[in-house]
Amino acid sequence: MIVSPPVATELSSYYQSYLNYLPENNLLEALENQYLDSETFYQAITEEQAMIRYAENKWLVKEVVGHICDTERILVYRALRIARKDQTPIEGFDENFYTPNSFYSDRSFASIYEEWRTIRASTISFFSHLDFSTFDFQGTANRTPVSVKALLFFIIVHERHHQKVIREKYLNG
């Protein structure tokens, strides 16, 4: 099944800022390919590198990956509710409360990586088994209209954004 990316008008202004992170034409294929690319990326990060902060008061590398895990869980939950036609508005979340209360900083990077792998496998399974029409279903999250397709899009580009930050600001290249 081919799930084409949303066009700019289907996205909130916040999500639109991430459009340059997705050159692919099939969101499901991009999600599956990203799993393989991300495995390679995360496997190359050592426990020592996972403890790097690029500036004072910035998250550790392992906290960034933990944030990716938390955000993916939340976005899939939103997609599940919308895919099941639950029209109850879904509240936003504040990542700045989640990360310090996650205790990712106390865990091994290997354990966070394994958690990411489990979450991503579940995400792929969920989206791969939706009916094609479901991707256009809309609901409200964080006081903003959003579709299942837009949530899938953001799962992909959110991780790409943070991996770029890890490469450029934490690992210098």
Protein backbone atom coordinates (compact mmCIF):
# COMPACT_ATOMS: atom_id res chain seq x y z
CA MET A 1 0.00 0.00 0.00
CA ILE A 2 1.27 3.46 -0.86
CA VAL A 3 0.47 6.22 1.61
CA SER A 4 1.58 9.47 0.06
CA PRO A 5 2.86 12.26 2.29
CA PRO A 6 0.54 15.03 3.34
CA VAL A 7 0.69 18.29 1.42
CA ALA A 8 1.46 21.49 3.30
CA THR A 9 -2.20 22.49 3.55
CA GLU A 10 -2.94 19.23 5.41
CA LEU A 11 -0.43 20.10 8.13
CA SER A 12 -0.40 22.58 10.98
CA SER A 13 2.20 25.32 10.70
CA TYR A 14 4.30 23.43 13.27
CA TYR A 15 4.31 20.22 11.19
CA GLN A 16 4.93 22.18 7.97
CA SER A 17 8.34 23.19 9.27
CA TYR A 18 9.40 19.53 8.94
CA LEU A 19 8.43 19.04 5.27
CA ASN A 20 12.06 19.19 4.11
CA TYR A 21 12.83 16.02 6.11
CA LEU A 22 10.72 13.78 3.87
CA PRO A 23 11.78 13.29 0.23
CA GLU A 24 10.00 9.90 -0.09
CA ASN A 25 6.62 9.40 -1.74
CA ASN A 26 5.39 6.56 0.48
CA LEU A 27 5.10 7.06 4.23
CA LEU A 28 4.88 3.35 5.06
CA GLU A 29 8.00 2.56 3.06
CA ALA A 30 9.79 5.53 4.65
CA LEU A 31 8.85 4.27 8.13
CA GLU A 32 10.16 0.77 7.42
CA ASN A 33 13.37 2.04 5.79
CA GLN A 34 13.92 4.43 8.65
CA TYR A 35 13.83 1.50 11.05
CA LEU A 36 16.85 -0.02 9.30
CA ASP A 37 18.69 3.30 8.96
CA SER A 38 18.05 4.21 12.59
CA GLU A 39 19.23 0.82 13.82
CA THR A 40 22.57 1.45 12.12
CA PHE A 41 22.70 5.00 13.51
CA TYR A 42 21.90 4.01 17.11
CA GLN A 43 24.13 0.93 17.11
CA ALA A 44 27.10 3.19 16.33
CA ILE A 45 26.52 5.34 19.45
CA THR A 46 28.64 4.24 22.40
CA GLU A 47 27.60 4.47 26.03
CA GLU A 48 30.15 7.29 26.40
CA GLN A 49 28.70 9.23 23.46
CA ALA A 50 25.21 8.72 24.88
CA MET A 51 26.29 10.78 27.91
CA ILE A 52 27.22 13.86 25.85
CA ARG A 53 25.42 17.20 26.19
CA TYR A 54 26.29 19.72 23.51
CA ALA A 55 25.62 22.62 25.89
CA GLU A 56 24.67 23.24 29.49
CA ASN A 57 21.02 22.41 30.22
CA LYS A 58 20.66 20.43 26.98
CA TRP A 59 19.57 16.81 27.02
CA LEU A 60 22.05 13.95 26.91
CA VAL A 61 22.11 11.96 23.66
CA LYS A 62 20.30 9.13 25.43
CA GLU A 63 17.64 11.56 26.63
CA VAL A 64 17.11 12.73 23.05
CA VAL A 65 16.57 9.12 21.95
CA GLY A 66 14.27 8.61 24.93
CA HIS A 67 12.35 11.70 23.85
CA ILE A 68 11.98 10.12 20.40
CA CYS A 69 10.54 7.02 22.10
CA ASP A 70 8.08 9.02 24.22
CA THR A 71 6.95 11.14 21.30
CA GLU A 72 6.44 8.15 19.02
CA ARG A 73 4.31 6.45 21.66
CA ILE A 74 2.17 9.56 22.05
CA LEU A 75 1.76 10.07 18.30
CA VAL A 76 0.77 6.43 17.74
CA TYR A 77 -1.74 6.70 20.58
CA ARG A 78 -3.21 9.77 18.90
CA ALA A 79 -3.32 7.93 15.56
CA LEU A 80 -5.03 4.95 17.21
CA ARG A 81 -7.75 7.12 18.71
CA ILE A 82 -8.34 8.98 15.47
CA ALA A 83 -8.23 5.77 13.38
CA ARG A 84 -10.94 4.32 15.62
CA LYS A 85 -13.06 7.45 15.04
CA ASP A 86 -12.74 8.70 18.62
CA GLN A 87 -13.55 12.39 18.24
CA THR A 88 -12.67 13.28 21.83
CA PRO A 89 -10.08 16.08 21.67
CA ILE A 90 -6.62 14.87 22.66
CA GLU A 91 -4.56 17.12 24.90
CA GLY A 92 -1.01 18.18 24.11
CA PHE A 93 2.04 17.21 26.13
CA ASP A 94 5.09 19.06 27.36
CA GLU A 95 8.32 17.29 26.46
CA ASN A 96 10.12 19.36 29.09
CA PHE A 97 8.20 17.49 31.82
CA TYR A 98 8.55 14.07 30.21
CA THR A 99 12.31 13.94 29.77
CA PRO A 100 13.42 14.86 33.31
CA ASN A 101 10.79 12.50 34.74
CA SER A 102 11.71 9.62 32.43
CA PHE A 103 15.02 8.84 34.12
CA TYR A 104 16.53 8.04 30.73
CA SER A 105 19.71 9.63 32.06
CA ASP A 106 20.03 6.80 34.60
CA ARG A 107 19.59 4.01 32.06
CA SER A 108 22.05 2.39 29.70
CA PHE A 109 21.87 3.55 26.13
CA ALA A 110 21.57 -0.10 25.09
CA SER A 111 18.30 -0.39 27.06
CA ILE A 112 16.90 2.79 25.49
CA TYR A 113 17.89 1.53 22.04
CA GLU A 114 16.06 -1.77 22.70
CA GLU A 115 13.01 0.17 23.83
CA TRP A 116 13.14 2.24 20.63
CA ARG A 117 13.34 -0.97 18.53
CA THR A 118 10.26 -2.38 20.26
CA ILE A 119 8.29 0.83 19.86
CA ARG A 120 9.20 1.16 16.18
CA ALA A 121 8.30 -2.45 15.41
CA SER A 122 4.91 -1.85 17.03
CA THR A 123 4.48 1.42 15.11
CA ILE A 124 5.19 -0.31 11.80
CA SER A 125 2.73 -3.07 12.63
CA PHE A 126 0.01 -0.61 13.61
CA PHE A 127 0.24 1.59 10.53
CA SER A 128 0.77 -1.35 8.14
CA HIS A 129 -2.54 -2.88 9.16
CA LEU A 130 -4.75 0.18 8.82
CA ASP A 131 -7.28 0.36 6.03
CA PHE A 132 -6.14 2.82 3.36
CA SER A 133 -9.10 5.16 4.00
CA THR A 134 -8.13 5.43 7.67
CA PHE A 135 -5.09 7.59 6.88
CA ASP A 136 -7.41 10.48 5.99
CA PHE A 137 -9.44 10.29 9.21
CA GLN A 138 -9.14 13.46 11.24
CA GLY A 139 -9.35 14.36 14.88
CA THR A 140 -8.12 17.07 17.19
CA ALA A 141 -4.86 16.90 19.11
CA ASN A 142 -3.33 19.77 21.03
CA ARG A 143 -6.27 21.94 19.91
CA THR A 144 -5.30 21.42 16.25
CA PRO A 145 -6.96 19.31 13.54
CA VAL A 146 -4.74 16.41 12.54
CA SER A 147 -5.06 13.31 10.35
CA VAL A 148 -3.70 9.82 10.88
CA LYS A 149 -1.47 10.44 7.84
CA ALA A 150 -0.07 13.64 9.39
CA LEU A 151 0.75 11.78 12.61
CA LEU A 152 2.61 9.09 10.67
CA PHE A 153 4.45 11.82 8.78
CA PHE A 154 5.49 13.49 12.03
CA ILE A 155 6.74 10.24 13.57
CA ILE A 156 9.15 9.90 10.65
CA VAL A 157 10.33 13.49 10.40
CA HIS A 158 10.55 14.05 14.15
CA GLU A 159 13.12 11.28 14.43
CA ARG A 160 15.02 12.54 11.38
CA HIS A 161 15.17 16.01 12.90
CA HIS A 162 16.61 14.73 16.17
CA GLN A 163 19.09 12.43 14.47
CA LYS A 164 20.34 15.43 12.50
CA VAL A 165 20.75 17.35 15.76
CA ILE A 166 22.63 14.42 17.33
CA ARG A 167 24.96 14.21 14.32
CA GLU A 168 25.63 17.94 14.04
CA LYS A 169 25.58 19.20 17.62
CA TYR A 170 26.48 16.18 19.74
CA LEU A 171 28.73 14.06 17.55
CA ASN A 172 30.11 16.90 15.38
CA GLY A 173 29.40 15.51 12.01
